[in-house]
């Protein structure tokens, strides 16, 4: 089999121009599979025949890799190398079928969303500077609005002045695939919006239809919003990720922790299905487990 592996690697190098890093990884993965066949004496008693390698053999190799243990991503990478190898053999008419029928790799475990705890969020938002200029007032409202409404960064950047209805206390945002939705907001956020409007009218000479603007009147960009959020959340040393989406996760987690109905949270977030929203129930469950593990009986 080593000869076929060498042929395949040469093909990737000279015909497909794969990088040296990828070539080394493919070589190691395929030789590892070759060693597995020899060590387990899977094809013992007969001459070596690639056609005898079937999905059962590949599945046994996959299970051995998972028992080491290797991550799901590493196992899937090795399986991908083997699959590409057999596709090459089929095109060269060396074999007539590949051993991946009805076989799929291990599912990658979904990481739970990062979120900010309520007390830490309140500490950041309550740190108000009464003598703040336009930039500070805008930045604080950016963070507050992301946290209180759960909107995406792109949705916040796209807000127009006409999208903010202070009388009805409703915010119109345009989400993915240009789907629009209305999000209610509370009196606290209304007061901050009014204050921001006043400061903007006083300090920004250039008028704009965009709600969030820079000091020269141009609309803010996603990069500016990322910078604002990262700077604000830098006061939380235990938080390993600081982005607008963390505030969206925080909004959803807080809503569910406080008893909000999942379908209502789904509509507020603009999710197309409950499956996307259900990840936050896992977050709240993990928090409950942490609380219980602090119980003295749980430590025994």
C-alpha atoms as a PDB file:
ATOM      1  CA  UNK A   1       0.000   0.000   0.000  1.00  0.00           C
ATOM      2  CA  UNK A   2       2.966   2.303   0.619  1.00  0.00           C
ATOM      3  CA  UNK A   3       3.630   2.486  -3.138  1.00  0.00           C
ATOM      4  CA  UNK A   4       0.095   3.687  -3.784  1.00  0.00           C
ATOM      5  CA  UNK A   5       0.442   6.253  -1.007  1.00  0.00           C
ATOM      6  CA  UNK A   6       3.621   7.587  -2.656  1.00  0.00           C
ATOM      7  CA  UNK A   7       1.818   7.819  -6.006  1.00  0.00           C
ATOM      8  CA  UNK A   8      -1.040   9.724  -4.369  1.00  0.00           C
ATOM      9  CA  UNK A   9       1.275  12.162  -2.585  1.00  0.00           C
ATOM     10  CA  UNK A  10       3.156  12.818  -5.847  1.00  0.00           C
ATOM     11  CA  UNK A  11      -0.184  13.539  -7.516  1.00  0.00           C
ATOM     12  CA  UNK A  12      -1.111  16.027  -4.796  1.00  0.00           C
ATOM     13  CA  UNK A  13       2.297  17.700  -4.964  1.00  0.00           C
ATOM     14  CA  UNK A  14       2.874  17.986  -8.710  1.00  0.00           C
ATOM     15  CA  UNK A  15      -0.636  18.064 -10.166  1.00  0.00           C
ATOM     16  CA  UNK A  16      -2.656  19.683  -7.387  1.00  0.00           C
ATOM     17  CA  UNK A  17       0.104  21.896  -5.893  1.00  0.00           C
ATOM     18  CA  UNK A  18      -0.755  21.076  -2.285  1.00  0.00           C
ATOM     19  CA  UNK A  19       1.333  22.777   0.401  1.00  0.00           C
ATOM     20  CA  UNK A  20       4.189  20.973   2.128  1.00  0.00           C
ATOM     21  CA  UNK A  21       2.244  21.072   5.401  1.00  0.00           C
ATOM     22  CA  UNK A  22      -0.761  19.311   3.825  1.00  0.00           C
ATOM     23  CA  UNK A  23       1.437  16.737   2.083  1.00  0.00           C
ATOM     24  CA  UNK A  24       3.129  15.828   5.364  1.00  0.00           C
ATOM     25  CA  UNK A  25      -0.240  15.528   7.131  1.00  0.00           C
ATOM     26  CA  UNK A  26      -1.716  13.308   4.376  1.00  0.00           C
ATOM     27  CA  UNK A  27       1.395  11.121   4.322  1.00  0.00           C
ATOM     28  CA  UNK A  28       1.356  10.623   8.097  1.00  0.00           C
ATOM     29  CA  UNK A  29      -2.376   9.868   8.159  1.00  0.00           C
ATOM     30  CA  UNK A  30      -2.227   7.306   5.348  1.00  0.00           C
ATOM     31  CA  UNK A  31       0.871   5.569   6.686  1.00  0.00           C
ATOM     32  CA  UNK A  32      -0.821   5.453  10.076  1.00  0.00           C
ATOM     33  CA  UNK A  33      -3.750   3.622   8.482  1.00  0.00           C
ATOM     34  CA  UNK A  34      -1.319   1.263   6.726  1.00  0.00           C
ATOM     35  CA  UNK A  35       0.383   0.493  10.046  1.00  0.00           C
ATOM     36  CA  UNK A  36      -3.010  -0.130  11.653  1.00  0.00           C
ATOM     37  CA  UNK A  37      -3.821  -2.760   9.025  1.00  0.00           C
ATOM     38  CA  UNK A  38      -0.466  -4.466   9.566  1.00  0.00           C
ATOM     39  CA  UNK A  39      -0.467  -4.301  13.372  1.00  0.00           C
ATOM     40  CA  UNK A  40      -3.996  -5.685  13.672  1.00  0.00           C
ATOM     41  CA  UNK A  41      -3.250  -8.320  11.003  1.00  0.00           C
ATOM     42  CA  UNK A  42      -6.572  -7.402   9.419  1.00  0.00           C
ATOM     43  CA  UNK A  43      -5.641  -8.791   6.014  1.00  0.00           C
ATOM     44  CA  UNK A  44      -3.657 -11.761   7.295  1.00  0.00           C
ATOM     45  CA  UNK A  45      -3.534 -15.092   5.479  1.00  0.00           C
ATOM     46  CA  UNK A  46      -3.982 -13.676   1.980  1.00  0.00           C
ATOM     47  CA  UNK A  47      -2.097 -11.414  -0.378  1.00  0.00           C
ATOM     48  CA  UNK A  48      -2.683  -7.752   0.194  1.00  0.00           C
ATOM     49  CA  UNK A  49      -5.663  -6.452  -1.767  1.00  0.00           C
ATOM     50  CA  UNK A  50      -6.956  -2.897  -1.510  1.00  0.00           C
ATOM     51  CA  UNK A  51     -10.406  -4.110  -2.553  1.00  0.00           C
ATOM     52  CA  UNK A  52     -10.665  -5.966   0.763  1.00  0.00           C
ATOM     53  CA  UNK A  53     -10.559  -2.711   2.716  1.00  0.00           C
ATOM     54  CA  UNK A  54     -14.201  -2.001   3.510  1.00  0.00           C
ATOM     55  CA  UNK A  55     -16.206   0.296   5.781  1.00  0.00           C
ATOM     56  CA  UNK A  56     -15.872  -2.122   8.721  1.00  0.00           C
ATOM     57  CA  UNK A  57     -12.081  -1.855   8.614  1.00  0.00           C
ATOM     58  CA  UNK A  58     -12.201   1.930   8.373  1.00  0.00           C
ATOM     59  CA  UNK A  59     -14.702   2.027  11.235  1.00  0.00           C
ATOM     60  CA  UNK A  60     -12.361  -0.063  13.411  1.00  0.00           C
ATOM     61  CA  UNK A  61      -9.546   2.375  12.676  1.00  0.00           C
ATOM     62  CA  UNK A  62     -11.799   5.312  13.514  1.00  0.00           C
ATOM     63  CA  UNK A  63     -12.772   3.743  16.847  1.00  0.00           C
ATOM     64  CA  UNK A  64      -9.119   3.134  17.730  1.00  0.00           C
ATOM     65  CA  UNK A  65      -8.303   6.779  16.991  1.00  0.00           C
ATOM     66  CA  UNK A  66     -11.153   7.936  19.218  1.00  0.00           C
ATOM     67  CA  UNK A  67      -9.979   5.688  22.079  1.00  0.00           C
ATOM     68  CA  UNK A  68      -6.491   7.284  22.209  1.00  0.00           C
ATOM     69  CA  UNK A  69      -8.246   9.800  22.493  1.00  0.00           C
ATOM     70  CA  UNK A  70      -8.052  12.173  19.551  1.00  0.00           C
ATOM     71  CA  UNK A  71     -10.388  15.097  19.020  1.00  0.00           C
ATOM     72  CA  UNK A  72     -13.280  14.747  16.589  1.00  0.00           C
ATOM     73  CA  UNK A  73     -11.582  17.286  14.310  1.00  0.00           C
ATOM     74  CA  UNK A  74      -8.367  15.222  14.169  1.00  0.00           C
ATOM     75  CA  UNK A  75     -10.221  11.975  13.467  1.00  0.00           C
ATOM     76  CA  UNK A  76     -12.271  13.598  10.718  1.00  0.00           C
ATOM     77  CA  UNK A  77      -9.113  15.019   9.145  1.00  0.00           C
ATOM     78  CA  UNK A  78      -7.558  11.545   8.977  1.00  0.00           C
ATOM     79  CA  UNK A  79     -10.748  10.082   7.513  1.00  0.00           C
ATOM     80  CA  UNK A  80     -10.799  12.875   4.936  1.00  0.00           C
ATOM     81  CA  UNK A  81      -7.235  11.996   3.884  1.00  0.00           C
ATOM     82  CA  UNK A  82      -8.184   8.330   3.512  1.00  0.00           C
ATOM     83  CA  UNK A  83     -11.312   9.197   1.549  1.00  0.00           C
ATOM     84  CA  UNK A  84      -9.343  11.413  -0.840  1.00  0.00           C
ATOM     85  CA  UNK A  85      -6.830   8.597  -1.274  1.00  0.00           C
ATOM     86  CA  UNK A  86      -9.515   6.095  -2.306  1.00  0.00           C
ATOM     87  CA  UNK A  87     -11.139   8.590  -4.675  1.00  0.00           C
ATOM     88  CA  UNK A  88      -7.739   8.898  -6.351  1.00  0.00           C
ATOM     89  CA  UNK A  89      -7.461   5.101  -6.592  1.00  0.00           C
ATOM     90  CA  UNK A  90     -10.913   4.879  -8.179  1.00  0.00           C
ATOM     91  CA  UNK A  91     -10.040   7.511 -10.804  1.00  0.00           C
ATOM     92  CA  UNK A  92      -6.872   5.538 -11.594  1.00  0.00           C
ATOM     93  CA  UNK A  93      -8.996   2.344 -11.813  1.00  0.00           C
ATOM     94  CA  UNK A  94      -6.857   0.698  -9.131  1.00  0.00           C
ATOM     95  CA  UNK A  95      -9.989  -0.070  -7.112  1.00  0.00           C
ATOM     96  CA  UNK A  96     -13.640   0.006  -8.163  1.00  0.00           C
ATOM     97  CA  UNK A  97     -15.266   1.110  -4.916  1.00  0.00           C
ATOM     98  CA  UNK A  98     -14.393   3.141  -1.856  1.00  0.00           C
ATOM     99  CA  UNK A  99     -14.857   1.874   1.728  1.00  0.00           C
ATOM    100  CA  UNK A 100     -16.882   4.826   2.987  1.00  0.00           C
ATOM    101  CA  UNK A 101     -20.392   3.620   2.216  1.00  0.00           C
ATOM    102  CA  UNK A 102     -22.726   4.389   5.144  1.00  0.00           C
ATOM    103  CA  UNK A 103     -19.790   5.702   7.160  1.00  0.00           C
ATOM    104  CA  UNK A 104     -19.514   9.150   8.696  1.00  0.00           C
ATOM    105  CA  UNK A 105     -16.956  10.595  11.061  1.00  0.00           C
ATOM    106  CA  UNK A 106     -17.561  11.567  14.684  1.00  0.00           C
ATOM    107  CA  UNK A 107     -19.610  14.688  15.202  1.00  0.00           C
ATOM    108  CA  UNK A 108     -17.693  17.669  16.451  1.00  0.00           C
ATOM    109  CA  UNK A 109     -18.839  18.690  19.900  1.00  0.00           C
ATOM    110  CA  UNK A 110     -20.423  22.120  19.777  1.00  0.00           C
ATOM    111  CA  UNK A 111     -18.779  24.608  22.065  1.00  0.00           C
ATOM    112  CA  UNK A 112     -21.129  26.548  24.292  1.00  0.00           C
ATOM    113  CA  UNK A 113     -21.508  30.259  23.529  1.00  0.00           C
ATOM    114  CA  UNK A 114     -19.469  32.738  25.537  1.00  0.00           C
ATOM    115  CA  UNK A 115     -21.564  35.092  27.631  1.00  0.00           C
ATOM    116  CA  UNK A 116     -21.129  37.706  30.347  1.00  0.00           C
ATOM    117  CA  UNK A 117     -22.584  37.099  33.796  1.00  0.00           C
ATOM    118  CA  UNK A 118     -25.326  39.490  34.826  1.00  0.00           C
ATOM    119  CA  UNK A 119     -23.407  41.103  37.706  1.00  0.00           C
ATOM    120  CA  UNK A 120     -20.389  41.766  35.510  1.00  0.00           C
ATOM    121  CA  UNK A 121     -22.589  43.233  32.789  1.00  0.00           C
ATOM    122  CA  UNK A 122     -24.335  45.523  35.250  1.00  0.00           C
ATOM    123  CA  UNK A 123     -20.986  46.719  36.615  1.00  0.00           C
ATOM    124  CA  UNK A 124     -19.849  47.722  33.122  1.00  0.00           C
ATOM    125  CA  UNK A 125     -23.103  49.425  32.161  1.00  0.00           C
ATOM    126  CA  UNK A 126     -23.575  51.260  35.461  1.00  0.00           C
ATOM    127  CA  UNK A 127     -20.151  52.888  35.175  1.00  0.00           C
ATOM    128  CA  UNK A 128     -21.587  56.116  33.782  1.00  0.00           C
ATOM    129  CA  UNK A 129     -19.577  59.270  33.101  1.00  0.00           C
ATOM    130  CA  UNK A 130     -21.829  62.329  33.307  1.00  0.00           C
ATOM    131  CA  UNK A 131     -19.226  64.532  31.601  1.00  0.00           C
ATOM    132  CA  UNK A 132     -18.730  62.153  28.683  1.00  0.00           C
ATOM    133  CA  UNK A 133     -18.391  63.485  25.154  1.00  0.00           C
ATOM    134  CA  UNK A 134     -20.054  62.199  22.010  1.00  0.00           C
ATOM    135  CA  UNK A 135     -17.726  59.201  21.557  1.00  0.00           C
ATOM    136  CA  UNK A 136     -18.229  57.883  25.084  1.00  0.00           C
ATOM    137  CA  UNK A 137     -22.006  58.387  24.940  1.00  0.00           C
ATOM    138  CA  UNK A 138     -22.230  56.558  21.621  1.00  0.00           C
ATOM    139  CA  UNK A 139     -19.998  53.704  22.743  1.00  0.00           C
ATOM    140  CA  UNK A 140     -22.018  53.142  25.888  1.00  0.00           C
ATOM    141  CA  UNK A 141     -25.266  53.097  23.907  1.00  0.00           C
ATOM    142  CA  UNK A 142     -23.755  50.625  21.415  1.00  0.00           C
ATOM    143  CA  UNK A 143     -22.977  48.159  24.209  1.00  0.00           C
ATOM    144  CA  UNK A 144     -26.291  48.777  25.972  1.00  0.00           C
ATOM    145  CA  UNK A 145     -28.325  48.267  22.798  1.00  0.00           C
ATOM    146  CA  UNK A 146     -26.495  45.061  21.836  1.00  0.00           C
ATOM    147  CA  UNK A 147     -27.042  43.697  25.336  1.00  0.00           C
ATOM    148  CA  UNK A 148     -30.678  44.778  25.763  1.00  0.00           C
ATOM    149  CA  UNK A 149     -31.927  43.774  22.312  1.00  0.00           C
ATOM    150  CA  UNK A 150     -29.673  40.875  21.275  1.00  0.00           C
ATOM    151  CA  UNK A 151     -29.247  42.221  17.750  1.00  0.00           C
ATOM    152  CA  UNK A 152     -26.319  41.288  15.535  1.00  0.00           C
ATOM    153  CA  UNK A 153     -23.423  43.656  14.847  1.00  0.00           C
ATOM    154  CA  UNK A 154     -24.471  44.011  11.198  1.00  0.00           C
ATOM    155  CA  UNK A 155     -28.018  44.823  12.287  1.00  0.00           C
ATOM    156  CA  UNK A 156     -26.835  47.536  14.660  1.00  0.00           C
ATOM    157  CA  UNK A 157     -24.640  49.131  12.004  1.00  0.00           C
ATOM    158  CA  UNK A 158     -27.592  49.182   9.597  1.00  0.00           C
ATOM    159  CA  UNK A 159     -30.008  51.009  11.919  1.00  0.00           C
ATOM    160  CA  UNK A 160     -31.403  54.236  10.444  1.00  0.00           C
ATOM    161  CA  UNK A 161     -32.887  57.135  12.379  1.00  0.00           C
ATOM    162  CA  UNK A 162     -36.321  56.204  11.032  1.00  0.00           C
ATOM    163  CA  UNK A 163     -35.951  52.695  12.483  1.00  0.00           C
ATOM    164  CA  UNK A 164     -36.078  53.972  16.081  1.00  0.00           C
ATOM    165  CA  UNK A 165     -39.652  54.593  17.278  1.00  0.00           C
ATOM    166  CA  UNK A 166     -39.379  56.306  20.661  1.00  0.00           C
ATOM    167  CA  UNK A 167     -43.138  56.637  21.167  1.00  0.00           C
ATOM    168  CA  UNK A 168     -43.848  52.936  20.663  1.00  0.00           C
ATOM    169  CA  UNK A 169     -40.402  52.005  22.056  1.00  0.00           C
ATOM    170  CA  UNK A 170     -39.737  49.720  19.095  1.00  0.00           C
ATOM    171  CA  UNK A 171     -36.568  49.142  17.107  1.00  0.00           C
ATOM    172  CA  UNK A 172     -36.764  47.916  13.504  1.00  0.00           C
ATOM    173  CA  UNK A 173     -33.751  45.907  12.349  1.00  0.00           C
ATOM    174  CA  UNK A 174     -32.909  44.180   9.086  1.00  0.00           C
ATOM    175  CA  UNK A 175     -31.422  40.747   9.639  1.00  0.00           C
ATOM    176  CA  UNK A 176     -30.171  37.929   7.437  1.00  0.00           C
ATOM    177  CA  UNK A 177     -31.748  37.605   3.979  1.00  0.00           C
ATOM    178  CA  UNK A 178     -33.142  41.131   4.475  1.00  0.00           C
ATOM    179  CA  UNK A 179     -35.749  39.900   6.953  1.00  0.00           C
ATOM    180  CA  UNK A 180     -37.017  42.732   9.131  1.00  0.00           C
ATOM    181  CA  UNK A 181     -38.298  42.412  12.678  1.00  0.00           C
ATOM    182  CA  UNK A 182     -39.454  44.726  15.447  1.00  0.00           C
ATOM    183  CA  UNK A 183     -37.781  44.575  18.854  1.00  0.00           C
ATOM    184  CA  UNK A 184     -39.270  46.317  21.898  1.00  0.00           C
ATOM    185  CA  UNK A 185     -37.028  48.178  24.315  1.00  0.00           C
ATOM    186  CA  UNK A 186     -37.475  49.475  27.840  1.00  0.00           C
ATOM    187  CA  UNK A 187     -37.627  52.963  29.330  1.00  0.00           C
ATOM    188  CA  UNK A 188     -33.954  52.840  30.388  1.00  0.00           C
ATOM    189  CA  UNK A 189     -32.768  52.335  26.812  1.00  0.00           C
ATOM    190  CA  UNK A 190     -35.198  55.000  25.583  1.00  0.00           C
ATOM    191  CA  UNK A 191     -33.613  57.554  27.906  1.00  0.00           C
ATOM    192  CA  UNK A 192     -30.150  56.651  26.642  1.00  0.00           C
ATOM    193  CA  UNK A 193     -31.297  56.986  23.020  1.00  0.00           C
ATOM    194  CA  UNK A 194     -32.779  60.426  23.686  1.00  0.00           C
ATOM    195  CA  UNK A 195     -29.568  61.526  25.419  1.00  0.00           C
ATOM    196  CA  UNK A 196     -27.459  60.232  22.529  1.00  0.00           C
ATOM    197  CA  UNK A 197     -29.716  62.066  20.035  1.00  0.00           C
ATOM    198  CA  UNK A 198     -29.202  65.323  21.914  1.00  0.00           C
ATOM    199  CA  UNK A 199     -25.425  64.952  22.157  1.00  0.00           C
ATOM    200  CA  UNK A 200     -25.187  63.960  18.482  1.00  0.00           C
ATOM    201  CA  UNK A 201     -27.261  66.978  17.379  1.00  0.00           C
ATOM    202  CA  UNK A 202     -25.079  69.277  19.487  1.00  0.00           C
ATOM    203  CA  UNK A 203     -21.639  67.927  18.571  1.00  0.00           C
ATOM    204  CA  UNK A 204     -21.973  66.439  15.058  1.00  0.00           C
ATOM    205  CA  UNK A 205     -22.375  69.064  12.357  1.00  0.00           C
ATOM    206  CA  UNK A 206     -22.996  66.690   9.445  1.00  0.00           C
ATOM    207  CA  UNK A 207     -26.453  65.132   9.309  1.00  0.00           C
ATOM    208  CA  UNK A 208     -26.863  61.463   8.426  1.00  0.00           C
ATOM    209  CA  UNK A 209     -29.719  59.014   8.016  1.00  0.00           C
ATOM    210  CA  UNK A 210     -27.683  56.430   9.943  1.00  0.00           C
ATOM    211  CA  UNK A 211     -28.381  56.210  13.647  1.00  0.00           C
ATOM    212  CA  UNK A 212     -24.858  55.390  14.871  1.00  0.00           C
ATOM    213  CA  UNK A 213     -22.265  57.706  13.360  1.00  0.00           C
ATOM    214  CA  UNK A 214     -18.634  58.684  13.770  1.00  0.00           C
ATOM    215  CA  UNK A 215     -17.458  62.112  14.854  1.00  0.00           C
ATOM    216  CA  UNK A 216     -17.293  63.228  11.219  1.00  0.00           C
ATOM    217  CA  UNK A 217     -20.897  62.187  10.613  1.00  0.00           C
ATOM    218  CA  UNK A 218     -20.165  59.032   8.612  1.00  0.00           C
ATOM    219  CA  UNK A 219     -21.906  55.787   9.651  1.00  0.00           C
ATOM    220  CA  UNK A 220     -19.988  53.527  12.028  1.00  0.00           C
ATOM    221  CA  UNK A 221     -18.549  50.331  10.579  1.00  0.00           C
ATOM    222  CA  UNK A 222     -18.626  46.791  11.954  1.00  0.00           C
ATOM    223  CA  UNK A 223     -14.921  47.131  12.757  1.00  0.00           C
ATOM    224  CA  UNK A 224     -15.637  50.171  14.941  1.00  0.00           C
ATOM    225  CA  UNK A 225     -18.390  48.316  16.792  1.00  0.00           C
ATOM    226  CA  UNK A 226     -16.043  45.363  17.390  1.00  0.00           C
ATOM    227  CA  UNK A 227     -13.428  47.744  18.792  1.00  0.00           C
ATOM    228  CA  UNK A 228     -15.978  49.436  21.080  1.00  0.00           C
ATOM    229  CA  UNK A 229     -17.239  46.135  22.488  1.00  0.00           C
ATOM    230  CA  UNK A 230     -13.770  44.665  22.907  1.00  0.00           C
ATOM    231  CA  UNK A 231     -12.649  47.758  24.812  1.00  0.00           C
ATOM    232  CA  UNK A 232     -15.714  47.705  27.093  1.00  0.00           C
ATOM    233  CA  UNK A 233     -15.486  43.974  27.821  1.00  0.00           C
ATOM    234  CA  UNK A 234     -11.740  44.151  28.506  1.00  0.00           C
ATOM    235  CA  UNK A 235     -12.682  45.030  32.095  1.00  0.00           C
ATOM    236  CA  UNK A 236     -13.717  41.386  32.553  1.00  0.00           C
ATOM    237  CA  UNK A 237     -10.417  39.460  32.836  1.00  0.00           C
ATOM    238  CA  UNK A 238     -12.112  36.038  33.022  1.00  0.00           C
ATOM    239  CA  UNK A 239     -13.802  36.497  29.635  1.00  0.00           C
ATOM    240  CA  UNK A 240     -11.692  34.872  26.904  1.00  0.00           C
ATOM    241  CA  UNK A 241     -13.748  36.171  23.980  1.00  0.00           C
ATOM    242  CA  UNK A 242     -14.909  39.767  23.556  1.00  0.00           C
ATOM    243  CA  UNK A 243     -17.112  40.555  20.578  1.00  0.00           C
ATOM    244  CA  UNK A 244     -20.597  41.898  19.751  1.00  0.00           C
ATOM    245  CA  UNK A 245     -21.834  38.327  19.402  1.00  0.00           C
ATOM    246  CA  UNK A 246     -20.902  37.674  23.032  1.00  0.00           C
ATOM    247  CA  UNK A 247     -23.446  40.338  23.989  1.00  0.00           C
ATOM    248  CA  UNK A 248     -26.026  38.631  21.768  1.00  0.00           C
ATOM    249  CA  UNK A 249     -25.314  35.362  23.591  1.00  0.00           C
ATOM    250  CA  UNK A 250     -25.551  37.203  26.900  1.00  0.00           C
ATOM    251  CA  UNK A 251     -28.953  38.636  25.976  1.00  0.00           C
ATOM    252  CA  UNK A 252     -30.353  35.212  25.055  1.00  0.00           C
ATOM    253  CA  UNK A 253     -28.910  33.478  28.118  1.00  0.00           C
ATOM    254  CA  UNK A 254     -30.220  36.184  30.466  1.00  0.00           C
ATOM    255  CA  UNK A 255     -33.692  36.027  28.912  1.00  0.00           C
ATOM    256  CA  UNK A 256     -33.945  32.258  29.327  1.00  0.00           C
ATOM    257  CA  UNK A 257     -32.478  32.348  32.839  1.00  0.00           C
ATOM    258  CA  UNK A 258     -35.169  34.857  33.806  1.00  0.00           C
ATOM    259  CA  UNK A 259     -37.949  32.620  32.513  1.00  0.00           C
ATOM    260  CA  UNK A 260     -38.576  33.905  28.991  1.00  0.00           C
ATOM    261  CA  UNK A 261     -40.336  31.485  26.645  1.00  0.00           C
ATOM    262  CA  UNK A 262     -37.936  30.010  24.083  1.00  0.00           C
ATOM    263  CA  UNK A 263     -40.079  30.783  21.061  1.00  0.00           C
ATOM    264  CA  UNK A 264     -40.231  34.445  22.113  1.00  0.00           C
ATOM    265  CA  UNK A 265     -36.436  34.556  22.417  1.00  0.00           C
ATOM    266  CA  UNK A 266     -36.196  32.927  18.975  1.00  0.00           C
ATOM    267  CA  UNK A 267     -38.299  35.706  17.456  1.00  0.00           C
ATOM    268  CA  UNK A 268     -36.324  38.435  19.210  1.00  0.00           C
ATOM    269  CA  UNK A 269     -33.038  36.989  17.947  1.00  0.00           C
ATOM    270  CA  UNK A 270     -34.364  36.533  14.425  1.00  0.00           C
ATOM    271  CA  UNK A 271     -33.573  32.812  14.324  1.00  0.00           C
ATOM    272  CA  UNK A 272     -35.243  30.805  11.581  1.00  0.00           C
ATOM    273  CA  UNK A 273     -35.672  27.740  13.803  1.00  0.00           C
ATOM    274  CA  UNK A 274     -35.732  26.793  17.474  1.00  0.00           C
ATOM    275  CA  UNK A 275     -32.661  24.616  16.960  1.00  0.00           C
ATOM    276  CA  UNK A 276     -30.475  27.724  16.823  1.00  0.00           C
ATOM    277  CA  UNK A 277     -32.023  29.097  20.011  1.00  0.00           C
ATOM    278  CA  UNK A 278     -31.919  25.832  21.945  1.00  0.00           C
ATOM    279  CA  UNK A 279     -28.129  26.061  22.388  1.00  0.00           C
ATOM    280  CA  UNK A 280     -28.753  28.682  25.078  1.00  0.00           C
ATOM    281  CA  UNK A 281     -30.719  26.179  27.147  1.00  0.00           C
ATOM    282  CA  UNK A 282     -27.486  24.183  27.421  1.00  0.00           C
ATOM    283  CA  UNK A 283     -25.740  27.295  28.697  1.00  0.00           C
ATOM    284  CA  UNK A 284     -28.365  27.838  31.389  1.00  0.00           C
ATOM    285  CA  UNK A 285     -28.198  24.159  32.332  1.00  0.00           C
ATOM    286  CA  UNK A 286     -24.419  24.368  32.731  1.00  0.00           C
ATOM    287  CA  UNK A 287     -24.900  27.331  35.057  1.00  0.00           C
ATOM    288  CA  UNK A 288     -27.372  25.330  37.133  1.00  0.00           C
ATOM    289  CA  UNK A 289     -24.853  22.500  37.412  1.00  0.00           C
ATOM    290  CA  UNK A 290     -22.186  24.920  38.636  1.00  0.00           C
ATOM    291  CA  UNK A 291     -24.570  26.233  41.280  1.00  0.00           C
ATOM    292  CA  UNK A 292     -25.418  22.738  42.445  1.00  0.00           C
ATOM    293  CA  UNK A 293     -21.758  21.673  42.531  1.00  0.00           C
ATOM    294  CA  UNK A 294     -21.160  24.459  45.032  1.00  0.00           C
ATOM    295  CA  UNK A 295     -23.524  22.673  47.441  1.00  0.00           C
ATOM    296  CA  UNK A 296     -21.590  21.004  50.299  1.00  0.00           C
ATOM    297  CA  UNK A 297     -23.277  17.623  49.657  1.00  0.00           C
ATOM    298  CA  UNK A 298     -22.293  17.757  45.994  1.00  0.00           C
ATOM    299  CA  UNK A 299     -18.613  18.072  46.939  1.00  0.00           C
ATOM    300  CA  UNK A 300     -18.612  14.773  48.805  1.00  0.00           C
END
